[in-house]
C-alpha atoms as a PDB file:
ATOM      1  CA  UNK A   1       0.000   0.000   0.000  1.00  0.00           C
ATOM      2  CA  UNK A   2       1.257   3.459  -0.875  1.00  0.00           C
ATOM      3  CA  UNK A   3       0.328   6.748   0.704  1.00  0.00           C
ATOM      4  CA  UNK A   4      -0.213   8.591  -2.545  1.00  0.00           C
ATOM      5  CA  UNK A   5       0.226  12.311  -2.922  1.00  0.00           C
ATOM      6  CA  UNK A   6      -2.900  13.382  -1.033  1.00  0.00           C
ATOM      7  CA  UNK A   7      -2.979  14.872   2.431  1.00  0.00           C
ATOM      8  CA  UNK A   8      -2.600  12.031   4.925  1.00  0.00           C
ATOM      9  CA  UNK A   9      -3.695  14.086   7.932  1.00  0.00           C
ATOM     10  CA  UNK A  10      -7.173  12.556   8.016  1.00  0.00           C
ATOM     11  CA  UNK A  11      -5.984   8.969   7.491  1.00  0.00           C
ATOM     12  CA  UNK A  12      -6.135   6.397  10.292  1.00  0.00           C
ATOM     13  CA  UNK A  13      -3.750   3.455  10.626  1.00  0.00           C
ATOM     14  CA  UNK A  14      -3.372   0.554  13.042  1.00  0.00           C
ATOM     15  CA  UNK A  15      -0.498  -1.693  14.036  1.00  0.00           C
ATOM     16  CA  UNK A  16      -0.269  -5.122  12.419  1.00  0.00           C
ATOM     17  CA  UNK A  17       0.438  -8.215  14.508  1.00  0.00           C
ATOM     18  CA  UNK A  18       2.623 -10.660  12.587  1.00  0.00           C
ATOM     19  CA  UNK A  19       4.716 -13.666  13.546  1.00  0.00           C
ATOM     20  CA  UNK A  20       7.223 -13.332  10.699  1.00  0.00           C
ATOM     21  CA  UNK A  21       8.429  -9.798  11.344  1.00  0.00           C
ATOM     22  CA  UNK A  22      12.132 -10.306  10.673  1.00  0.00           C
ATOM     23  CA  UNK A  23      14.681  -7.771  11.838  1.00  0.00           C
ATOM     24  CA  UNK A  24      14.729  -4.047  11.214  1.00  0.00           C
ATOM     25  CA  UNK A  25      15.815  -0.938  13.038  1.00  0.00           C
ATOM     26  CA  UNK A  26      13.712   2.024  14.112  1.00  0.00           C
ATOM     27  CA  UNK A  27      14.595   5.497  15.211  1.00  0.00           C
ATOM     28  CA  UNK A  28      12.754   7.104  18.112  1.00  0.00           C
ATOM     29  CA  UNK A  29      10.351   9.011  15.843  1.00  0.00           C
ATOM     30  CA  UNK A  30       9.327   5.804  14.097  1.00  0.00           C
ATOM     31  CA  UNK A  31       8.869   3.926  17.376  1.00  0.00           C
ATOM     32  CA  UNK A  32       6.867   6.754  18.978  1.00  0.00           C
ATOM     33  CA  UNK A  33       4.678   6.960  15.875  1.00  0.00           C
ATOM     34  CA  UNK A  34       4.123   3.205  15.829  1.00  0.00           C
ATOM     35  CA  UNK A  35       3.051   3.265  19.470  1.00  0.00           C
ATOM     36  CA  UNK A  36       0.534   6.054  18.751  1.00  0.00           C
ATOM     37  CA  UNK A  37      -1.098   4.257  15.815  1.00  0.00           C
ATOM     38  CA  UNK A  38      -4.156   2.699  17.436  1.00  0.00           C
ATOM     39  CA  UNK A  39      -6.665   2.529  14.600  1.00  0.00           C
ATOM     40  CA  UNK A  40      -8.604   5.489  16.008  1.00  0.00           C
ATOM     41  CA  UNK A  41      -6.428   8.600  15.891  1.00  0.00           C
ATOM     42  CA  UNK A  42      -5.757  10.406  12.647  1.00  0.00           C
ATOM     43  CA  UNK A  43      -2.226  11.150  11.509  1.00  0.00           C
ATOM     44  CA  UNK A  44      -2.915  14.811  12.255  1.00  0.00           C
ATOM     45  CA  UNK A  45      -3.843  13.977  15.859  1.00  0.00           C
ATOM     46  CA  UNK A  46      -0.767  11.790  16.237  1.00  0.00           C
ATOM     47  CA  UNK A  47       1.457  14.522  14.819  1.00  0.00           C
ATOM     48  CA  UNK A  48       0.040  16.924  17.408  1.00  0.00           C
ATOM     49  CA  UNK A  49       0.608  14.412  20.212  1.00  0.00           C
ATOM     50  CA  UNK A  50       4.221  13.964  19.132  1.00  0.00           C
ATOM     51  CA  UNK A  51       4.883  17.666  18.567  1.00  0.00           C
ATOM     52  CA  UNK A  52       5.439  17.101  14.848  1.00  0.00           C
ATOM     53  CA  UNK A  53       3.739  18.080  11.612  1.00  0.00           C
ATOM     54  CA  UNK A  54       1.887  15.782   9.234  1.00  0.00           C
ATOM     55  CA  UNK A  55       4.664  16.504   6.747  1.00  0.00           C
ATOM     56  CA  UNK A  56       7.210  15.192   9.294  1.00  0.00           C
ATOM     57  CA  UNK A  57       5.230  11.970   9.723  1.00  0.00           C
ATOM     58  CA  UNK A  58       4.685  11.215   6.029  1.00  0.00           C
ATOM     59  CA  UNK A  59       8.052   9.438   5.514  1.00  0.00           C
ATOM     60  CA  UNK A  60       7.694   7.637   8.851  1.00  0.00           C
ATOM     61  CA  UNK A  61       4.225   6.330   8.007  1.00  0.00           C
ATOM     62  CA  UNK A  62       5.410   5.413   4.526  1.00  0.00           C
ATOM     63  CA  UNK A  63       8.299   3.386   5.972  1.00  0.00           C
ATOM     64  CA  UNK A  64       6.038   1.656   8.513  1.00  0.00           C
ATOM     65  CA  UNK A  65       3.731   0.686   5.644  1.00  0.00           C
ATOM     66  CA  UNK A  66       6.677  -0.646   3.624  1.00  0.00           C
ATOM     67  CA  UNK A  67       7.781  -2.757   6.581  1.00  0.00           C
ATOM     68  CA  UNK A  68       4.267  -4.143   6.957  1.00  0.00           C
ATOM     69  CA  UNK A  69       4.032  -2.892  10.534  1.00  0.00           C
ATOM     70  CA  UNK A  70       0.862  -0.866   9.961  1.00  0.00           C
ATOM     71  CA  UNK A  71      -2.203  -0.932   7.749  1.00  0.00           C
ATOM     72  CA  UNK A  72      -5.055   1.406   7.021  1.00  0.00           C
ATOM     73  CA  UNK A  73      -7.757   1.202   9.672  1.00  0.00           C
ATOM     74  CA  UNK A  74     -10.325   2.218   7.066  1.00  0.00           C
ATOM     75  CA  UNK A  75     -11.127   0.048   4.104  1.00  0.00           C
ATOM     76  CA  UNK A  76      -9.413   1.795   1.196  1.00  0.00           C
ATOM     77  CA  UNK A  77     -12.435   1.052  -0.966  1.00  0.00           C
ATOM     78  CA  UNK A  78     -14.553   2.962   1.543  1.00  0.00           C
ATOM     79  CA  UNK A  79     -14.088   6.302  -0.141  1.00  0.00           C
ATOM     80  CA  UNK A  80     -17.043   8.079  -1.678  1.00  0.00           C
ATOM     81  CA  UNK A  81     -17.105   8.236  -5.435  1.00  0.00           C
ATOM     82  CA  UNK A  82     -17.544  11.175  -7.777  1.00  0.00           C
ATOM     83  CA  UNK A  83     -21.240  10.362  -8.118  1.00  0.00           C
ATOM     84  CA  UNK A  84     -21.814  11.163  -4.440  1.00  0.00           C
ATOM     85  CA  UNK A  85     -20.309  14.635  -4.761  1.00  0.00           C
ATOM     86  CA  UNK A  86     -22.191  15.254  -8.004  1.00  0.00           C
ATOM     87  CA  UNK A  87     -25.414  14.511  -6.108  1.00  0.00           C
ATOM     88  CA  UNK A  88     -24.427  16.710  -3.173  1.00  0.00           C
ATOM     89  CA  UNK A  89     -23.550  19.569  -5.518  1.00  0.00           C
ATOM     90  CA  UNK A  90     -26.771  19.180  -7.527  1.00  0.00           C
ATOM     91  CA  UNK A  91     -29.071  18.967  -4.499  1.00  0.00           C
ATOM     92  CA  UNK A  92     -27.373  21.781  -2.612  1.00  0.00           C
ATOM     93  CA  UNK A  93     -27.405  24.007  -5.717  1.00  0.00           C
ATOM     94  CA  UNK A  94     -31.141  23.433  -6.048  1.00  0.00           C
ATOM     95  CA  UNK A  95     -31.588  24.461  -2.421  1.00  0.00           C
ATOM     96  CA  UNK A  96     -29.326  27.519  -2.216  1.00  0.00           C
ATOM     97  CA  UNK A  97     -27.985  28.326  -5.662  1.00  0.00           C
ATOM     98  CA  UNK A  98     -24.468  28.837  -6.986  1.00  0.00           C
ATOM     99  CA  UNK A  99     -22.869  29.303  -3.571  1.00  0.00           C
ATOM    100  CA  UNK A 100     -23.202  25.533  -3.073  1.00  0.00           C
ATOM    101  CA  UNK A 101     -19.690  24.860  -4.387  1.00  0.00           C
ATOM    102  CA  UNK A 102     -18.179  27.267  -1.868  1.00  0.00           C
ATOM    103  CA  UNK A 103     -20.097  25.697   1.018  1.00  0.00           C
ATOM    104  CA  UNK A 104     -19.035  22.201  -0.034  1.00  0.00           C
ATOM    105  CA  UNK A 105     -15.417  23.300  -0.243  1.00  0.00           C
ATOM    106  CA  UNK A 106     -15.623  24.931   3.209  1.00  0.00           C
ATOM    107  CA  UNK A 107     -17.221  21.826   4.722  1.00  0.00           C
ATOM    108  CA  UNK A 108     -14.503  19.621   3.215  1.00  0.00           C
ATOM    109  CA  UNK A 109     -11.853  21.875   4.727  1.00  0.00           C
ATOM    110  CA  UNK A 110     -13.588  21.669   8.108  1.00  0.00           C
ATOM    111  CA  UNK A 111     -13.501  17.866   7.821  1.00  0.00           C
ATOM    112  CA  UNK A 112      -9.860  17.974   6.679  1.00  0.00           C
ATOM    113  CA  UNK A 113     -10.756  16.071   3.513  1.00  0.00           C
ATOM    114  CA  UNK A 114     -10.783  16.535  -0.230  1.00  0.00           C
ATOM    115  CA  UNK A 115     -13.204  15.385  -2.905  1.00  0.00           C
ATOM    116  CA  UNK A 116     -10.653  12.830  -4.103  1.00  0.00           C
ATOM    117  CA  UNK A 117      -9.877  11.536  -0.599  1.00  0.00           C
ATOM    118  CA  UNK A 118     -13.183  11.521   1.273  1.00  0.00           C
ATOM    119  CA  UNK A 119     -13.927   8.562   3.570  1.00  0.00           C
ATOM    120  CA  UNK A 120     -17.451   7.181   3.411  1.00  0.00           C
ATOM    121  CA  UNK A 121     -17.881   7.449   7.166  1.00  0.00           C
ATOM    122  CA  UNK A 122     -17.726  11.276   6.917  1.00  0.00           C
ATOM    123  CA  UNK A 123     -20.586  11.463   4.390  1.00  0.00           C
ATOM    124  CA  UNK A 124     -23.414  11.807   6.954  1.00  0.00           C
ATOM    125  CA  UNK A 125     -21.498  14.545   8.767  1.00  0.00           C
ATOM    126  CA  UNK A 126     -20.954  16.409   5.495  1.00  0.00           C
ATOM    127  CA  UNK A 127     -24.665  16.216   4.669  1.00  0.00           C
ATOM    128  CA  UNK A 128     -25.547  17.457   8.164  1.00  0.00           C
ATOM    129  CA  UNK A 129     -23.091  20.362   7.922  1.00  0.00           C
ATOM    130  CA  UNK A 130     -24.426  21.404   4.528  1.00  0.00           C
ATOM    131  CA  UNK A 131     -28.080  21.047   5.532  1.00  0.00           C
ATOM    132  CA  UNK A 132     -27.499  23.500   8.382  1.00  0.00           C
ATOM    133  CA  UNK A 133     -26.530  26.105   5.774  1.00  0.00           C
ATOM    134  CA  UNK A 134     -29.950  25.962   4.077  1.00  0.00           C
ATOM    135  CA  UNK A 135     -32.114  28.704   5.575  1.00  0.00           C
ATOM    136  CA  UNK A 136     -35.503  27.764   4.125  1.00  0.00           C
ATOM    137  CA  UNK A 137     -36.882  24.786   6.007  1.00  0.00           C
ATOM    138  CA  UNK A 138     -38.768  23.246   3.081  1.00  0.00           C
ATOM    139  CA  UNK A 139     -35.620  23.280   0.929  1.00  0.00           C
ATOM    140  CA  UNK A 140     -33.552  21.905   3.801  1.00  0.00           C
ATOM    141  CA  UNK A 141     -35.995  19.015   4.247  1.00  0.00           C
ATOM    142  CA  UNK A 142     -35.925  18.196   0.527  1.00  0.00           C
ATOM    143  CA  UNK A 143     -32.101  18.287   0.551  1.00  0.00           C
ATOM    144  CA  UNK A 144     -31.978  16.004   3.586  1.00  0.00           C
ATOM    145  CA  UNK A 145     -34.471  13.536   2.095  1.00  0.00           C
ATOM    146  CA  UNK A 146     -32.621  13.336  -1.213  1.00  0.00           C
ATOM    147  CA  UNK A 147     -29.257  12.975   0.487  1.00  0.00           C
ATOM    148  CA  UNK A 148     -30.664  10.309   2.809  1.00  0.00           C
ATOM    149  CA  UNK A 149     -31.387   8.234  -0.289  1.00  0.00           C
ATOM    150  CA  UNK A 150     -27.788   8.720  -1.423  1.00  0.00           C
ATOM    151  CA  UNK A 151     -26.503   7.744   2.034  1.00  0.00           C
ATOM    152  CA  UNK A 152     -28.629   4.601   1.879  1.00  0.00           C
ATOM    153  CA  UNK A 153     -26.893   3.702  -1.379  1.00  0.00           C
ATOM    154  CA  UNK A 154     -23.575   4.014   0.463  1.00  0.00           C
ATOM    155  CA  UNK A 155     -24.910   1.797   3.241  1.00  0.00           C
ATOM    156  CA  UNK A 156     -24.772   4.609   5.793  1.00  0.00           C
ATOM    157  CA  UNK A 157     -28.470   5.034   6.459  1.00  0.00           C
ATOM    158  CA  UNK A 158     -31.301   2.621   6.961  1.00  0.00           C
ATOM    159  CA  UNK A 159     -34.846   2.902   5.737  1.00  0.00           C
ATOM    160  CA  UNK A 160     -37.732   3.282   8.129  1.00  0.00           C
END
């Protein structure tokens, strides 16, 4: 697995338990990072805990991945696709007009994500954040209903 060129700050990794580890050496930064990786904290949170930047941790995380000591705690396939954002953009534009793109971009920044690197588990939060921006209640309800259908397609909402 490779990190890619995207921001890794919102990524979550966990330690891997293996019997055939072999021998390798670690510096203190790598060891401290490995100990922090619990499958719950993001790289950004870990960087803060260690007094480092995400940029400082990128090569460390990359090396830990190469050694097979860590793995992504989120299924890599569990990223939303372009179709989801097309639906969000369409529905939000219908509700509030051309400012929809700006609000989506702001919400993504607040979630520390990008369109190309957006975990499925953040989709309901994004919809909630955007719905709060719709002033007219009837338009907000329509947006929420339509997005609920999209969330159901992603397996993140259940029917009643």
